[in-house]
Protein backbone atom coordinates (compact mmCIF):
# COMPACT_ATOMS: atom_id res chain seq x y z
CA UNK A 1 -8.16 -25.46 -19.87
CA UNK A 2 -4.37 -25.54 -20.02
CA UNK A 3 -4.29 -22.88 -22.75
CA UNK A 4 -6.64 -20.70 -20.69
CA UNK A 5 -4.33 -20.97 -17.67
CA UNK A 6 -1.30 -20.12 -19.79
CA UNK A 7 -3.08 -17.05 -21.16
CA UNK A 8 -4.16 -15.98 -17.66
CA UNK A 9 -0.61 -16.39 -16.43
CA UNK A 10 0.70 -14.28 -19.31
CA UNK A 11 -1.90 -11.56 -18.74
CA UNK A 12 -1.51 -11.08 -15.00
CA UNK A 13 1.70 -12.71 -13.81
CA UNK A 14 4.33 -11.65 -16.31
CA UNK A 15 7.37 -10.21 -14.60
CA UNK A 16 8.03 -6.48 -14.75
CA UNK A 17 11.47 -6.57 -13.17
CA UNK A 18 14.51 -8.85 -13.13
CA UNK A 19 13.83 -12.31 -11.73
CA UNK A 20 15.89 -11.99 -8.55
CA UNK A 21 14.36 -8.63 -7.56
CA UNK A 22 10.67 -9.40 -8.04
CA UNK A 23 9.45 -11.22 -4.94
CA UNK A 24 6.16 -13.04 -5.50
CA UNK A 25 5.10 -12.92 -1.85
CA UNK A 26 5.24 -9.12 -1.91
CA UNK A 27 2.55 -9.14 -4.60
CA UNK A 28 0.49 -11.10 -2.10
CA UNK A 29 1.37 -8.66 0.67
CA UNK A 30 -0.02 -5.90 -1.51
CA UNK A 31 -3.14 -8.07 -1.80
CA UNK A 32 -3.35 -8.23 2.00
CA UNK A 33 -3.08 -4.43 2.16
CA UNK A 34 -5.94 -3.83 -0.28
CA UNK A 35 -8.12 -6.47 1.40
CA UNK A 36 -7.64 -4.68 4.72
CA UNK A 37 -8.65 -1.38 3.10
CA UNK A 38 -11.75 -2.87 1.44
CA UNK A 39 -12.90 -4.79 4.52
CA UNK A 40 -12.36 -1.69 6.65
CA UNK A 41 -14.55 0.42 4.38
CA UNK A 42 -17.21 -2.30 4.19
CA UNK A 43 -17.31 -2.38 7.99
CA UNK A 44 -17.55 1.41 8.00
CA UNK A 45 -20.85 1.33 6.07
CA UNK A 46 -22.19 -1.70 8.00
CA UNK A 47 -21.72 -4.14 5.10
CA UNK A 48 -19.40 -6.75 6.62
CA UNK A 49 -18.19 -9.34 4.14
CA UNK A 50 -17.16 -11.70 6.95
CA UNK A 51 -19.75 -11.88 9.77
CA UNK A 52 -18.27 -10.86 13.11
CA UNK A 53 -15.21 -9.18 11.61
CA UNK A 54 -15.51 -5.47 12.37
CA UNK A 55 -12.57 -3.52 10.90
CA UNK A 56 -14.27 -0.15 11.09
CA UNK A 57 -11.74 2.63 11.55
CA UNK A 58 -8.77 0.52 10.45
CA UNK A 59 -8.81 0.83 6.62
CA UNK A 60 -5.89 3.26 6.91
CA UNK A 61 -3.74 0.44 8.36
CA UNK A 62 -3.82 -1.14 4.90
CA UNK A 63 -2.76 2.19 3.39
CA UNK A 64 0.18 2.29 5.80
CA UNK A 65 1.19 -1.16 4.58
CA UNK A 66 1.07 0.15 1.01
CA UNK A 67 3.41 2.98 2.04
CA UNK A 68 5.86 0.50 3.58
CA UNK A 69 5.76 -1.65 0.45
CA UNK A 70 6.32 1.31 -1.87
CA UNK A 71 9.39 2.45 0.05
CA UNK A 72 10.71 -1.11 0.31
CA UNK A 73 10.21 -2.09 -3.33
CA UNK A 74 11.46 1.17 -4.82
CA UNK A 75 14.67 1.25 -2.79
CA UNK A 76 15.50 -2.47 -2.53
CA UNK A 77 17.05 -2.67 -6.04
CA UNK A 78 19.20 0.42 -5.43
CA UNK A 79 21.43 -0.63 -2.54
CA UNK A 80 23.69 -2.82 -4.68
CA UNK A 81 24.40 0.02 -7.11
CA UNK A 82 27.56 2.06 -6.76
CA UNK A 83 27.36 5.61 -5.49
CA UNK A 84 28.36 7.15 -8.83
CA UNK A 85 25.30 5.60 -10.47
CA UNK A 86 23.02 6.92 -7.74
CA UNK A 87 24.36 10.43 -8.31
CA UNK A 88 23.64 10.42 -12.05
CA UNK A 89 20.59 12.31 -13.29
CA UNK A 90 19.47 10.04 -16.14
CA UNK A 91 18.51 6.97 -14.01
CA UNK A 92 16.42 9.22 -11.77
CA UNK A 93 14.67 10.75 -14.79
CA UNK A 94 13.77 7.22 -15.92
CA UNK A 95 12.55 6.49 -12.41
CA UNK A 96 10.27 9.56 -12.41
CA UNK A 97 8.89 8.66 -15.84
CA UNK A 98 8.06 5.12 -14.68
CA UNK A 99 6.34 6.44 -11.56
CA UNK A 100 4.24 8.91 -13.56
CA UNK A 101 3.23 6.24 -16.08
CA UNK A 102 2.40 3.83 -13.24
CA UNK A 103 0.24 6.22 -11.23
CA UNK A 104 -1.20 9.01 -13.36
CA UNK A 105 -3.09 7.31 -16.24
CA UNK A 106 -5.44 5.33 -13.98
CA UNK A 107 -5.61 8.15 -11.44
CA UNK A 108 -6.57 10.69 -14.13
CA UNK A 109 -9.22 8.40 -15.60
CA UNK A 110 -10.85 7.88 -12.21
CA UNK A 111 -10.80 11.62 -11.49
CA UNK A 112 -12.46 12.45 -14.83
CA UNK A 113 -15.05 9.67 -14.42
CA UNK A 114 -15.96 10.88 -10.92
CA UNK A 115 -16.21 14.50 -12.09
CA UNK A 116 -18.47 13.56 -15.02
CA UNK A 117 -20.66 11.37 -12.81
CA UNK A 118 -21.07 14.16 -10.28
CA UNK A 119 -21.94 16.74 -12.94
CA UNK A 120 -24.35 14.54 -14.88
CA UNK A 121 -26.06 12.84 -11.97
CA UNK A 122 -26.54 15.36 -9.12
CA UNK A 123 -28.42 12.72 -7.13
CA UNK A 124 -25.14 10.81 -6.84
CA UNK A 125 -23.22 13.82 -5.55
CA UNK A 126 -23.01 12.52 -2.02
CA UNK A 127 -21.69 9.21 -3.31
CA UNK A 128 -19.05 10.50 -5.75
CA UNK A 129 -18.55 14.12 -4.59
CA UNK A 130 -15.85 15.21 -7.04
CA UNK A 131 -16.93 18.18 -9.14
CA UNK A 132 -15.13 19.32 -12.27
CA UNK A 133 -13.68 22.49 -10.67
CA UNK A 134 -11.77 20.29 -8.17
CA UNK A 135 -10.30 18.13 -10.91
CA UNK A 136 -7.23 20.26 -11.59
CA UNK A 137 -6.35 20.54 -7.90
CA UNK A 138 -6.41 16.75 -7.63
CA UNK A 139 -4.27 16.35 -10.74
CA UNK A 140 -1.59 18.63 -9.30
CA UNK A 141 -1.86 16.91 -5.89
CA UNK A 142 -3.27 19.94 -4.08
CA UNK A 143 -6.41 18.05 -3.04
CA UNK A 144 -7.13 14.47 -2.04
CA UNK A 145 -10.82 13.80 -1.61
CA UNK A 146 -11.80 10.66 0.31
CA UNK A 147 -9.46 7.79 -0.59
CA UNK A 148 -7.50 9.92 -3.09
CA UNK A 149 -5.42 11.49 -0.29
CA UNK A 150 -3.12 8.45 -0.24
CA UNK A 151 -2.21 8.83 -3.92
CA UNK A 152 -1.14 12.44 -3.32
CA UNK A 153 0.95 11.47 -0.29
CA UNK A 154 2.66 8.57 -2.04
CA UNK A 155 3.47 10.56 -5.14
CA UNK A 156 5.06 13.26 -3.00
CA UNK A 157 7.28 10.59 -1.49
CA UNK A 158 8.38 9.63 -5.01
CA UNK A 159 9.74 13.17 -5.34
CA UNK A 160 11.86 12.99 -2.16
CA UNK A 161 12.93 9.33 -2.53
CA UNK A 162 16.10 10.13 -4.56
CA UNK A 163 17.29 12.45 -1.78
CA UNK A 164 16.58 9.79 0.88
CA UNK A 165 18.45 7.12 -1.09
CA UNK A 166 21.45 9.36 -1.74
CA UNK A 167 21.69 10.35 1.93
CA UNK A 168 21.48 6.74 3.05
CA UNK A 169 24.04 5.71 0.45
CA UNK A 170 26.56 8.47 1.10
CA UNK A 171 26.34 8.59 4.89
CA UNK A 172 25.31 5.23 6.21
CA UNK A 173 24.85 2.55 3.55
CA UNK A 174 27.13 0.07 5.32
CA UNK A 175 26.28 1.21 8.83
CA UNK A 176 22.73 0.06 9.37
CA UNK A 177 22.75 1.12 13.02
CA UNK A 178 23.51 4.69 11.88
CA UNK A 179 20.69 4.50 9.32
CA UNK A 180 18.32 3.33 12.08
CA UNK A 181 19.46 6.20 14.29
CA UNK A 182 18.88 8.72 11.50
CA UNK A 183 15.41 7.31 10.85
CA UNK A 184 14.56 7.36 14.56
CA UNK A 185 15.67 10.99 14.96
CA UNK A 186 13.91 12.12 11.78
CA UNK A 187 10.74 10.26 12.71
CA UNK A 188 10.65 11.74 16.21
CA UNK A 189 11.09 15.21 14.73
CA UNK A 190 8.33 14.71 12.16
CA UNK A 191 5.91 13.31 14.74
CA UNK A 192 6.66 16.33 16.91
CA UNK A 193 6.02 18.78 14.05
CA UNK A 194 2.97 17.04 12.61
CA UNK A 195 -0.60 17.85 13.69
CA UNK A 196 -2.10 15.26 16.03
CA UNK A 197 -5.21 14.92 13.88
CA UNK A 198 -4.11 14.48 10.29
CA UNK A 199 -6.58 12.00 8.79
CA UNK A 200 -6.79 12.41 5.02
CA UNK A 201 -4.21 15.21 4.93
CA UNK A 202 -2.26 15.26 1.67
CA UNK A 203 0.93 16.64 3.23
CA UNK A 204 3.81 14.17 3.26
CA UNK A 205 5.37 15.18 6.59
CA UNK A 206 3.08 13.23 8.97
CA UNK A 207 3.50 10.02 6.94
CA UNK A 208 7.18 10.34 6.03
CA UNK A 209 8.31 8.23 9.05
CA UNK A 210 6.47 5.23 7.54
CA UNK A 211 8.29 5.63 4.22
CA UNK A 212 11.63 6.08 5.98
CA UNK A 213 11.08 2.92 8.03
CA UNK A 214 10.18 1.04 4.83
CA UNK A 215 13.39 2.30 3.24
CA UNK A 216 15.35 1.14 6.29
CA UNK A 217 13.65 -2.27 6.02
CA UNK A 218 14.86 -2.64 2.43
CA UNK A 219 18.42 -1.84 3.52
CA UNK A 220 18.21 -4.41 6.34
CA UNK A 221 16.87 -7.06 3.94
CA UNK A 222 19.71 -6.33 1.51
CA UNK A 223 22.25 -6.78 4.30
CA UNK A 224 20.59 -9.99 5.48
CA UNK A 225 20.53 -11.41 1.94
CA UNK A 226 24.25 -10.65 1.54
CA UNK A 227 25.29 -12.12 4.90
CA UNK A 228 26.65 -15.69 4.58
CA UNK A 229 25.39 -16.44 8.09
CA UNK A 230 21.86 -15.21 7.37
CA UNK A 231 21.58 -16.53 3.81
CA UNK A 232 20.80 -19.96 5.21
CA UNK A 233 17.84 -18.41 7.12
CA UNK A 234 18.78 -19.53 10.66
CA UNK A 235 16.02 -19.88 13.23
CA UNK A 236 13.22 -19.75 10.61
CA UNK A 237 10.58 -20.63 13.19
CA UNK A 238 11.52 -17.59 15.27
CA UNK A 239 11.20 -15.32 12.24
CA UNK A 240 7.81 -16.85 11.46
CA UNK A 241 6.71 -16.28 15.06
CA UNK A 242 7.93 -12.66 14.88
CA UNK A 243 5.79 -12.16 11.75
CA UNK A 244 2.72 -13.55 13.52
CA UNK A 245 3.32 -11.35 16.56
CA UNK A 246 3.80 -8.24 14.39
CA UNK A 247 0.55 -8.93 12.56
CA UNK A 248 -1.22 -9.57 15.87
CA UNK A 249 0.05 -6.23 17.21
CA UNK A 250 -1.48 -4.40 14.24
CA UNK A 251 -4.73 -6.37 14.52
CA UNK A 252 -4.96 -5.52 18.21
CA UNK A 253 -5.19 -1.81 17.34
CA UNK A 254 -8.41 -2.34 15.35
CA UNK A 255 -10.83 -0.30 17.49
CA UNK A 256 -13.42 -3.09 17.90
CA UNK A 257 -10.67 -5.57 18.88
CA UNK A 258 -8.96 -3.11 21.22
CA UNK A 259 -12.22 -2.29 22.96
CA UNK A 260 -13.04 -5.96 23.42
CA UNK A 261 -9.60 -7.04 24.62
CA UNK A 262 -8.79 -4.11 26.91
CA UNK A 263 -12.28 -3.11 28.01
CA UNK A 264 -11.45 0.49 27.09
CA UNK A 265 -13.37 2.63 24.64
CA UNK A 266 -11.37 4.34 21.90
CA UNK A 267 -12.55 6.29 18.87
CA UNK A 268 -12.30 4.94 15.35
CA UNK A 269 -9.38 7.24 14.52
CA UNK A 270 -7.59 6.86 17.86
CA UNK A 271 -4.57 4.98 16.44
CA UNK A 272 -4.35 6.71 13.07
CA UNK A 273 -1.57 9.06 14.13
CA UNK A 274 0.65 6.23 15.50
CA UNK A 275 2.57 6.12 12.23
CA UNK A 276 5.89 5.04 13.77
CA UNK A 277 4.20 2.04 15.40
CA UNK A 278 2.56 0.96 12.14
CA UNK A 279 5.76 1.54 10.19
CA UNK A 280 7.74 -0.61 12.64
CA UNK A 281 5.09 -3.34 12.95
CA UNK A 282 4.46 -3.74 9.21
CA UNK A 283 8.21 -3.63 8.46
CA UNK A 284 8.86 -6.30 11.08
CA UNK A 285 6.08 -8.42 9.58
CA UNK A 286 7.60 -8.03 6.10
CA UNK A 287 11.19 -8.81 7.11
CA UNK A 288 10.18 -11.68 9.39
CA UNK A 289 8.07 -13.60 6.87
CA UNK A 290 10.64 -13.05 4.09
CA UNK A 291 13.24 -14.76 6.28
CA UNK A 292 10.96 -17.17 8.10
CA UNK A 293 9.99 -20.81 7.72
CA UNK A 294 8.02 -20.08 4.56
CA UNK A 295 4.42 -20.66 5.67
CA UNK A 296 3.31 -17.02 5.44
CA UNK A 297 5.53 -16.51 2.42
CA UNK A 298 3.86 -19.41 0.61
CA UNK A 299 0.36 -18.10 1.39
CA UNK A 300 1.22 -14.64 0.10
CA UNK A 301 2.97 -16.06 -2.98
CA UNK A 302 -0.12 -18.07 -3.97
CA UNK A 303 -1.80 -17.12 -7.24
CA UNK A 304 -5.05 -15.81 -5.67
CA UNK A 305 -3.16 -13.56 -3.22
CA UNK A 306 -0.84 -12.32 -5.96
CA UNK A 307 -3.71 -11.61 -8.35
CA UNK A 308 -5.43 -9.42 -5.76
CA UNK A 309 -2.14 -7.62 -5.18
CA UNK A 310 -1.47 -7.14 -8.88
CA UNK A 311 -4.81 -5.38 -9.44
CA UNK A 312 -4.66 -3.59 -6.07
CA UNK A 313 -4.07 -0.09 -7.48
CA UNK A 314 -7.26 -0.29 -9.55
CA UNK A 315 -9.08 -1.77 -6.58
CA UNK A 316 -7.90 1.05 -4.33
CA UNK A 317 -9.11 3.75 -6.70
CA UNK A 318 -12.41 2.12 -7.67
CA UNK A 319 -13.61 0.10 -4.69
CA UNK A 320 -15.14 2.98 -2.75
CA UNK A 321 -17.22 4.47 -5.58
CA UNK A 322 -18.38 0.94 -6.44
CA UNK A 323 -19.15 0.24 -2.78
CA UNK A 324 -21.27 3.36 -2.45
CA UNK A 325 -23.01 2.78 -5.77
CA UNK A 326 -23.90 -0.81 -4.78
CA UNK A 327 -25.17 0.46 -1.45
CA UNK A 328 -27.38 2.95 -3.31
CA UNK A 329 -28.61 0.67 -6.12
CA UNK A 330 -29.13 -2.71 -4.39
CA UNK A 331 -31.72 -2.72 -1.57
CA UNK A 332 -30.74 -6.18 -0.30
CA UNK A 333 -29.18 -7.60 2.86
CA UNK A 334 -25.83 -5.97 3.83
CA UNK A 335 -23.90 -9.23 3.45
CA UNK A 336 -25.32 -9.72 -0.06
CA UNK A 337 -24.42 -6.13 -0.94
CA UNK A 338 -20.89 -6.76 0.27
CA UNK A 339 -20.58 -9.85 -1.92
CA UNK A 340 -21.94 -7.98 -4.96
CA UNK A 341 -19.51 -5.14 -4.33
CA UNK A 342 -16.48 -7.46 -4.04
CA UNK A 343 -17.34 -9.46 -7.18
CA UNK A 344 -18.09 -6.33 -9.19
CA UNK A 345 -14.93 -4.59 -8.00
CA UNK A 346 -12.78 -7.62 -8.84
CA UNK A 347 -14.26 -7.94 -12.34
CA UNK A 348 -13.98 -4.22 -13.15
CA UNK A 349 -10.45 -3.94 -11.78
CA UNK A 350 -9.16 -6.95 -13.71
CA UNK A 351 -10.32 -5.14 -16.85
CA UNK A 352 -8.88 -1.75 -15.89
CA UNK A 353 -5.56 -3.35 -14.96
CA UNK A 354 -5.27 -5.08 -18.34
CA UNK A 355 -6.61 -2.24 -20.48
CA UNK A 356 -5.19 0.82 -18.68
CA UNK A 357 -2.50 -0.04 -16.15
CA UNK A 358 -0.66 -2.81 -17.98
CA UNK A 359 0.05 -0.89 -21.23
CA UNK A 360 1.54 2.01 -19.28
CA UNK A 361 3.55 -0.33 -17.05
CA UNK A 362 5.08 -1.86 -20.21
CA UNK A 363 5.71 1.58 -21.63
CA UNK A 364 7.45 2.57 -18.41
């Protein structure tokens, strides 16, 4: 049993970055994000995993949390580097190579599998509607069918991240209030220029405020970690309370919850365009629990939460095709279907993470 646990730990929990920069609870936060996405999609097809929990229309909230995490984790290690290093080309080339190796192998495999399934099994076209002639457009990020839109958006942020980091570093690295002002102005401009209905668009502009707020959160956390006064985590209970309130604010915007609490009736995509709100709420949640009493941090740093987060990229790409296939192949009660889908997704994604993602992560 002990040897099995050691092997499991080596397979899934080995560190991919320096010890002081890899934060275990953020693996668990990624797990929370993918759980929100999966539960939202299960609710959307009337297959609730948890009776009474209706998250229909809110799966994108989990995607927004992924965006915050990406911006936070990619920029957090950079703020302690000197400006000369940030202006060199070679570190950024290594960064791009790591991002490509992290995203594209699994993404490409899923695209090819979906295209082959659609071509070979026309009856499944409505379940996995990705034909071979659309494959190239997805590979070059010109299309983003169904859940694949988020991959295109995130990868486009990878391309502009160096510019964002350099601007923050050169203009306002040590003036967080100026960084916040820049983010606020840029976000207001982008919200103004973006279409009001942009669900599943693959353009970066409507979602860039979320990434900018996540970048600002990483800068704030760096400053808090360096402050002698804040290193001791004063008022941890207040930070923990702030995290709970931030999470509650996001949960309140779930359409079924909003309708019940306020008595109003809103559509399932009513809050999708409130990207600044979700960016601010999820960033507050992240910063508050990192500096809080440790209750939320301990839950998110637990092995089950971390494991879900570690395989979350595979889960994101594969959960919806598996969900729809289970719905098509298993004529049983919705709750049983949901359980089958979750177990099957977890098993498949553990394998794809080890066999496909992990080798390319090591290579990167």
